[in-house]
Amino acid sequence: MAATMPTQDMTVAEVLETWPETVEVFQALKTACVGCVMAPFDTLADVARIYEMEPAIIMEALRQSVQSH
């Protein structure tokens, strides 16, 4: 059963595969996650750490994107 919302322990690749509309979120947050070779390995928590963002910011943006589609 697929997750209904992204979680911090999901990889970027899992999120993009499950919710393709989230591409826009990663781009809007000015990350290089879309197309990155590390996408299958980096979790959303890793992305927050790498880009020095509060995890809540990324998670809320992703949740809003998923809920609006």
PDB file of N, CA and C in Angstrom:
ATOM      1  N   MET A   1       0.846  -1.185   0.000  1.00  0.00           N
ATOM      2  CA  MET A   1       0.000   0.000   0.000  1.00  0.00           C
ATOM      3  C   MET A   1       0.885   1.240   0.000  1.00  0.00           C
ATOM      4  N   ALA A   2       0.605   2.146  -0.890  1.00  0.00           N
ATOM      5  CA  ALA A   2       1.401   3.368  -1.011  1.00  0.00           C
ATOM      6  C   ALA A   2       1.035   4.351   0.099  1.00  0.00           C
ATOM      7  N   ALA A   3       2.024   5.141   0.465  1.00  0.00           N
ATOM      8  CA  ALA A   3       1.789   6.181   1.473  1.00  0.00           C
ATOM      9  C   ALA A   3       0.820   7.217   0.912  1.00  0.00           C
ATOM     10  N   THR A   4       0.046   7.809   1.804  1.00  0.00           N
ATOM     11  CA  THR A   4      -0.902   8.822   1.355  1.00  0.00           C
ATOM     12  C   THR A   4      -0.292  10.216   1.344  1.00  0.00           C
ATOM     13  N   MET A   5       0.815  10.379   2.078  1.00  0.00           N
ATOM     14  CA  MET A   5       1.531  11.649   2.157  1.00  0.00           C
ATOM     15  C   MET A   5       3.022  11.346   2.259  1.00  0.00           C
ATOM     16  N   PRO A   6       3.857  12.245   1.751  1.00  0.00           N
ATOM     17  CA  PRO A   6       5.299  12.050   1.910  1.00  0.00           C
ATOM     18  C   PRO A   6       5.694  12.102   3.383  1.00  0.00           C
ATOM     19  N   THR A   7       6.722  11.329   3.721  1.00  0.00           N
ATOM     20  CA  THR A   7       7.282  11.353   5.066  1.00  0.00           C
ATOM     21  C   THR A   7       8.772  11.639   4.968  1.00  0.00           C
ATOM     22  N   GLN A   8       9.358  12.125   6.043  1.00  0.00           N
ATOM     23  CA  GLN A   8      10.762  12.531   6.030  1.00  0.00           C
ATOM     24  C   GLN A   8      11.720  11.391   5.736  1.00  0.00           C
ATOM     25  N   ASP A   9      11.300  10.158   5.978  1.00  0.00           N
ATOM     26  CA  ASP A   9      12.190   9.033   5.734  1.00  0.00           C
ATOM     27  C   ASP A   9      12.085   8.470   4.316  1.00  0.00           C
ATOM     28  N   MET A  10      11.221   9.053   3.490  1.00  0.00           N
ATOM     29  CA  MET A  10      11.116   8.636   2.084  1.00  0.00           C
ATOM     30  C   MET A  10      12.256   9.248   1.281  1.00  0.00           C
ATOM     31  N   THR A  11      12.705   8.517   0.275  1.00  0.00           N
ATOM     32  CA  THR A  11      13.733   9.087  -0.598  1.00  0.00           C
ATOM     33  C   THR A  11      13.080  10.041  -1.590  1.00  0.00           C
ATOM     34  N   VAL A  12      13.909  10.904  -2.140  1.00  0.00           N
ATOM     35  CA  VAL A  12      13.424  11.839  -3.158  1.00  0.00           C
ATOM     36  C   VAL A  12      12.833  11.055  -4.324  1.00  0.00           C
ATOM     37  N   ALA A  13      13.501   9.989  -4.743  1.00  0.00           N
ATOM     38  CA  ALA A  13      13.015   9.185  -5.869  1.00  0.00           C
ATOM     39  C   ALA A  13      11.633   8.585  -5.570  1.00  0.00           C
ATOM     40  N   GLU A  14      11.427   8.108  -4.347  1.00  0.00           N
ATOM     41  CA  GLU A  14      10.119   7.561  -3.969  1.00  0.00           C
ATOM     42  C   GLU A  14       9.033   8.625  -4.060  1.00  0.00           C
ATOM     43  N   VAL A  15       9.356   9.813  -3.576  1.00  0.00           N
ATOM     44  CA  VAL A  15       8.381  10.903  -3.602  1.00  0.00           C
ATOM     45  C   VAL A  15       8.044  11.283  -5.044  1.00  0.00           C
ATOM     46  N   LEU A  16       9.065  11.440  -5.868  1.00  0.00           N
ATOM     47  CA  LEU A  16       8.833  11.837  -7.256  1.00  0.00           C
ATOM     48  C   LEU A  16       8.087  10.761  -8.043  1.00  0.00           C
ATOM     49  N   GLU A  17       8.363   9.509  -7.747  1.00  0.00           N
ATOM     50  CA  GLU A  17       7.666   8.421  -8.441  1.00  0.00           C
ATOM     51  C   GLU A  17       6.209   8.341  -8.024  1.00  0.00           C
ATOM     52  N   THR A  18       5.963   8.513  -6.738  1.00  0.00           N
ATOM     53  CA  THR A  18       4.604   8.407  -6.213  1.00  0.00           C
ATOM     54  C   THR A  18       3.764   9.638  -6.532  1.00  0.00           C
ATOM     55  N   TRP A  19       4.391  10.812  -6.447  1.00  0.00           N
ATOM     56  CA  TRP A  19       3.690  12.076  -6.673  1.00  0.00           C
ATOM     57  C   TRP A  19       4.488  12.934  -7.658  1.00  0.00           C
ATOM     58  N   PRO A  20       4.376  12.679  -8.960  1.00  0.00           N
ATOM     59  CA  PRO A  20       5.167  13.422  -9.949  1.00  0.00           C
ATOM     60  C   PRO A  20       4.961  14.938  -9.887  1.00  0.00           C
ATOM     61  N   GLU A  21       3.818  15.365  -9.387  1.00  0.00           N
ATOM     62  CA  GLU A  21       3.540  16.797  -9.295  1.00  0.00           C
ATOM     63  C   GLU A  21       4.482  17.517  -8.337  1.00  0.00           C
ATOM     64  N   THR A  22       5.179  16.760  -7.476  1.00  0.00           N
ATOM     65  CA  THR A  22       6.089  17.390  -6.516  1.00  0.00           C
ATOM     66  C   THR A  22       7.377  17.899  -7.160  1.00  0.00           C
ATOM     67  N   VAL A  23       7.586  17.604  -8.432  1.00  0.00           N
ATOM     68  CA  VAL A  23       8.743  18.157  -9.154  1.00  0.00           C
ATOM     69  C   VAL A  23       8.781  19.670  -8.961  1.00  0.00           C
ATOM     70  N   GLU A  24       7.619  20.292  -9.077  1.00  0.00           N
ATOM     71  CA  GLU A  24       7.533  21.751  -8.959  1.00  0.00           C
ATOM     72  C   GLU A  24       7.988  22.233  -7.581  1.00  0.00           C
ATOM     73  N   VAL A  25       7.732  21.465  -6.551  1.00  0.00           N
ATOM     74  CA  VAL A  25       8.135  21.845  -5.187  1.00  0.00           C
ATOM     75  C   VAL A  25       9.658  21.861  -5.083  1.00  0.00           C
ATOM     76  N   PHE A  26      10.297  20.788  -5.547  1.00  0.00           N
ATOM     77  CA  PHE A  26      11.758  20.723  -5.483  1.00  0.00           C
ATOM     78  C   PHE A  26      12.391  21.856  -6.288  1.00  0.00           C
ATOM     79  N   GLN A  27      11.797  22.173  -7.431  1.00  0.00           N
ATOM     80  CA  GLN A  27      12.314  23.277  -8.237  1.00  0.00           C
ATOM     81  C   GLN A  27      12.078  24.619  -7.552  1.00  0.00           C
ATOM     82  N   ALA A  28      10.904  24.818  -6.990  1.00  0.00           N
ATOM     83  CA  ALA A  28      10.594  26.084  -6.316  1.00  0.00           C
ATOM     84  C   ALA A  28      11.502  26.310  -5.103  1.00  0.00           C
ATOM     85  N   LEU A  29      11.890  25.223  -4.443  1.00  0.00           N
ATOM     86  CA  LEU A  29      12.776  25.339  -3.292  1.00  0.00           C
ATOM     87  C   LEU A  29      14.245  25.451  -3.706  1.00  0.00           C
ATOM     88  N   LYS A  30      14.470  25.498  -5.006  1.00  0.00           N
ATOM     89  CA  LYS A  30      15.812  25.665  -5.577  1.00  0.00           C
ATOM     90  C   LYS A  30      16.769  24.547  -5.171  1.00  0.00           C
ATOM     91  N   THR A  31      16.239  23.316  -5.235  1.00  0.00           N
ATOM     92  CA  THR A  31      17.091  22.157  -5.001  1.00  0.00           C
ATOM     93  C   THR A  31      17.465  21.560  -6.350  1.00  0.00           C
ATOM     94  N   ALA A  32      18.463  20.713  -6.347  1.00  0.00           N
ATOM     95  CA  ALA A  32      18.870  20.000  -7.558  1.00  0.00           C
ATOM     96  C   ALA A  32      18.378  18.552  -7.500  1.00  0.00           C
ATOM     97  N   CYS A  33      17.342  18.312  -6.718  1.00  0.00           N
ATOM     98  CA  CYS A  33      16.871  16.952  -6.467  1.00  0.00           C
ATOM     99  C   CYS A  33      16.324  16.256  -7.713  1.00  0.00           C
ATOM    100  N   VAL A  34      15.627  16.983  -8.554  1.00  0.00           N
ATOM    101  CA  VAL A  34      15.043  16.388  -9.754  1.00  0.00           C
ATOM    102  C   VAL A  34      16.177  16.046 -10.715  1.00  0.00           C
ATOM    103  N   GLY A  35      16.325  14.762 -10.983  1.00  0.00           N
ATOM    104  CA  GLY A  35      17.386  14.312 -11.873  1.00  0.00           C
ATOM    105  C   GLY A  35      18.719  14.054 -11.192  1.00  0.00           C
ATOM    106  N   CYS A  36      18.795  14.267  -9.893  1.00  0.00           N
ATOM    107  CA  CYS A  36      20.045  14.054  -9.153  1.00  0.00           C
ATOM    108  C   CYS A  36      20.322  12.557  -9.008  1.00  0.00           C
ATOM    109  N   VAL A  37      21.587  12.174  -9.147  1.00  0.00           N
ATOM    110  CA  VAL A  37      21.950  10.762  -9.009  1.00  0.00           C
ATOM    111  C   VAL A  37      21.755  10.260  -7.583  1.00  0.00           C
ATOM    112  N   MET A  38      21.666  11.157  -6.623  1.00  0.00           N
ATOM    113  CA  MET A  38      21.470  10.762  -5.225  1.00  0.00           C
ATOM    114  C   MET A  38      19.988  10.630  -4.849  1.00  0.00           C
ATOM    115  N   ALA A  39      19.084  10.970  -5.753  1.00  0.00           N
ATOM    116  CA  ALA A  39      17.647  10.925  -5.459  1.00  0.00           C
ATOM    117  C   ALA A  39      17.177   9.562  -4.941  1.00  0.00           C
ATOM    118  N   PRO A  40      17.725   8.446  -5.429  1.00  0.00           N
ATOM    119  CA  PRO A  40      17.280   7.154  -4.890  1.00  0.00           C
ATOM    120  C   PRO A  40      17.789   6.873  -3.469  1.00  0.00           C
ATOM    121  N   PHE A  41      18.713   7.674  -3.002  1.00  0.00           N
ATOM    122  CA  PHE A  41      19.348   7.418  -1.708  1.00  0.00           C
ATOM    123  C   PHE A  41      19.038   8.479  -0.651  1.00  0.00           C
ATOM    124  N   ASP A  42      18.928   9.749  -1.065  1.00  0.00           N
ATOM    125  CA  ASP A  42      18.694  10.841  -0.115  1.00  0.00           C
ATOM    126  C   ASP A  42      17.231  10.895   0.301  1.00  0.00           C
ATOM    127  N   THR A  43      17.023  10.942   1.600  1.00  0.00           N
ATOM    128  CA  THR A  43      15.661  11.086   2.129  1.00  0.00           C
ATOM    129  C   THR A  43      15.300  12.565   2.159  1.00  0.00           C
ATOM    130  N   LEU A  44      14.043  12.833   2.437  1.00  0.00           N
ATOM    131  CA  LEU A  44      13.615  14.226   2.570  1.00  0.00           C
ATOM    132  C   LEU A  44      14.313  14.884   3.758  1.00  0.00           C
ATOM    133  N   ALA A  45      14.581  14.122   4.801  1.00  0.00           N
ATOM    134  CA  ALA A  45      15.345  14.667   5.931  1.00  0.00           C
ATOM    135  C   ALA A  45      16.758  15.037   5.487  1.00  0.00           C
ATOM    136  N   ASP A  46      17.363  14.217   4.625  1.00  0.00           N
ATOM    137  CA  ASP A  46      18.685  14.531   4.081  1.00  0.00           C
ATOM    138  C   ASP A  46      18.646  15.823   3.266  1.00  0.00           C
ATOM    139  N   VAL A  47      17.613  15.979   2.462  1.00  0.00           N
ATOM    140  CA  VAL A  47      17.475  17.187   1.636  1.00  0.00           C
ATOM    141  C   VAL A  47      17.415  18.430   2.523  1.00  0.00           C
ATOM    142  N   ALA A  48      16.642  18.352   3.586  1.00  0.00           N
ATOM    143  CA  ALA A  48      16.545  19.488   4.511  1.00  0.00           C
ATOM    144  C   ALA A  48      17.913  19.829   5.089  1.00  0.00           C
ATOM    145  N   ARG A  49      18.646  18.807   5.483  1.00  0.00           N
ATOM    146  CA  ARG A  49      19.985  19.026   6.051  1.00  0.00           C
ATOM    147  C   ARG A  49      20.950  19.583   4.997  1.00  0.00           C
ATOM    148  N   ILE A  50      20.957  18.991   3.818  1.00  0.00           N
ATOM    149  CA  ILE A  50      21.878  19.399   2.754  1.00  0.00           C
ATOM    150  C   ILE A  50      21.635  20.847   2.339  1.00  0.00           C
ATOM    151  N   TYR A  51      20.360  21.227   2.220  1.00  0.00           N
ATOM    152  CA  TYR A  51      20.019  22.579   1.777  1.00  0.00           C
ATOM    153  C   TYR A  51      19.790  23.547   2.941  1.00  0.00           C
ATOM    154  N   GLU A  52      20.099  23.089   4.153  1.00  0.00           N
ATOM    155  CA  GLU A  52      19.980  23.904   5.359  1.00  0.00           C
ATOM    156  C   GLU A  52      18.609  24.558   5.477  1.00  0.00           C
ATOM    157  N   MET A  53      17.576  23.722   5.351  1.00  0.00           N
ATOM    158  CA  MET A  53      16.190  24.156   5.485  1.00  0.00           C
ATOM    159  C   MET A  53      15.563  23.441   6.665  1.00  0.00           C
ATOM    160  N   GLU A  54      14.567  24.065   7.227  1.00  0.00           N
ATOM    161  CA  GLU A  54      13.778  23.393   8.253  1.00  0.00           C
ATOM    162  C   GLU A  54      12.997  22.272   7.570  1.00  0.00           C
ATOM    163  N   PRO A  55      13.054  21.064   8.089  1.00  0.00           N
ATOM    164  CA  PRO A  55      12.301  19.970   7.475  1.00  0.00           C
ATOM    165  C   PRO A  55      10.817  20.285   7.313  1.00  0.00           C
ATOM    166  N   ALA A  56      10.261  21.030   8.251  1.00  0.00           N
ATOM    167  CA  ALA A  56       8.832  21.361   8.187  1.00  0.00           C
ATOM    168  C   ALA A  56       8.480  22.157   6.935  1.00  0.00           C
ATOM    169  N   ILE A  57       9.403  22.969   6.457  1.00  0.00           N
ATOM    170  CA  ILE A  57       9.147  23.771   5.244  1.00  0.00           C
ATOM    171  C   ILE A  57       8.990  22.859   4.032  1.00  0.00           C
ATOM    172  N   ILE A  58       9.923  21.929   3.888  1.00  0.00           N
ATOM    173  CA  ILE A  58       9.859  20.988   2.766  1.00  0.00           C
ATOM    174  C   ILE A  58       8.611  20.123   2.872  1.00  0.00           C
ATOM    175  N   MET A  59       8.372  19.590   4.047  1.00  0.00           N
ATOM    176  CA  MET A  59       7.237  18.690   4.224  1.00  0.00           C
ATOM    177  C   MET A  59       5.911  19.388   3.963  1.00  0.00           C
ATOM    178  N   GLU A  60       5.753  20.600   4.433  1.00  0.00           N
ATOM    179  CA  GLU A  60       4.492  21.322   4.211  1.00  0.00           C
ATOM    180  C   GLU A  60       4.302  21.629   2.734  1.00  0.00           C
ATOM    181  N   ALA A  61       5.352  22.034   2.054  1.00  0.00           N
ATOM    182  CA  ALA A  61       5.240  22.317   0.616  1.00  0.00           C
ATOM    183  C   ALA A  61       4.855  21.056  -0.158  1.00  0.00           C
ATOM    184  N   LEU A  62       5.458  19.924   0.199  1.00  0.00           N
ATOM    185  CA  LEU A  62       5.122  18.671  -0.466  1.00  0.00           C
ATOM    186  C   LEU A  62       3.687  18.252  -0.159  1.00  0.00           C
ATOM    187  N   ARG A  63       3.285  18.376   1.079  1.00  0.00           N
ATOM    188  CA  ARG A  63       1.916  18.001   1.454  1.00  0.00           C
ATOM    189  C   ARG A  63       0.890  18.849   0.711  1.00  0.00           C
ATOM    190  N   GLN A  64       1.155  20.138   0.602  1.00  0.00           N
ATOM    191  CA  GLN A  64       0.230  21.018  -0.114  1.00  0.00           C
ATOM    192  C   GLN A  64       0.141  20.607  -1.581  1.00  0.00           C
ATOM    193  N   SER A  65       1.274  20.269  -2.187  1.00  0.00           N
ATOM    194  CA  SER A  65       1.285  19.849  -3.579  1.00  0.00           C
ATOM    195  C   SER A  65       0.486  18.570  -3.780  1.00  0.00           C
ATOM    196  N   VAL A  66       0.693  17.601  -2.900  1.00  0.00           N
ATOM    197  CA  VAL A  66      -0.018  16.327  -3.004  1.00  0.00           C
ATOM    198  C   VAL A  66      -1.525  16.510  -2.799  1.00  0.00           C
ATOM    199  N   GLN A  67      -1.889  17.315  -1.823  1.00  0.00           N
ATOM    200  CA  GLN A  67      -3.315  17.526  -1.526  1.00  0.00           C
ATOM    201  C   GLN A  67      -4.026  18.293  -2.630  1.00  0.00           C
ATOM    202  N   SER A  68      -3.310  19.131  -3.350  1.00  0.00           N
ATOM    203  CA  SER A  68      -3.971  19.938  -4.378  1.00  0.00           C
ATOM    204  C   SER A  68      -4.156  19.191  -5.700  1.00  0.00           C
ATOM    205  N   HIS A  69      -3.590  17.988  -5.788  1.00  0.00           N
ATOM    206  CA  HIS A  69      -3.736  17.212  -7.031  1.00  0.00           C
ATOM    207  C   HIS A  69      -4.605  16.003  -6.838  1.00  0.00           C
TER     208      HIS A  69
END
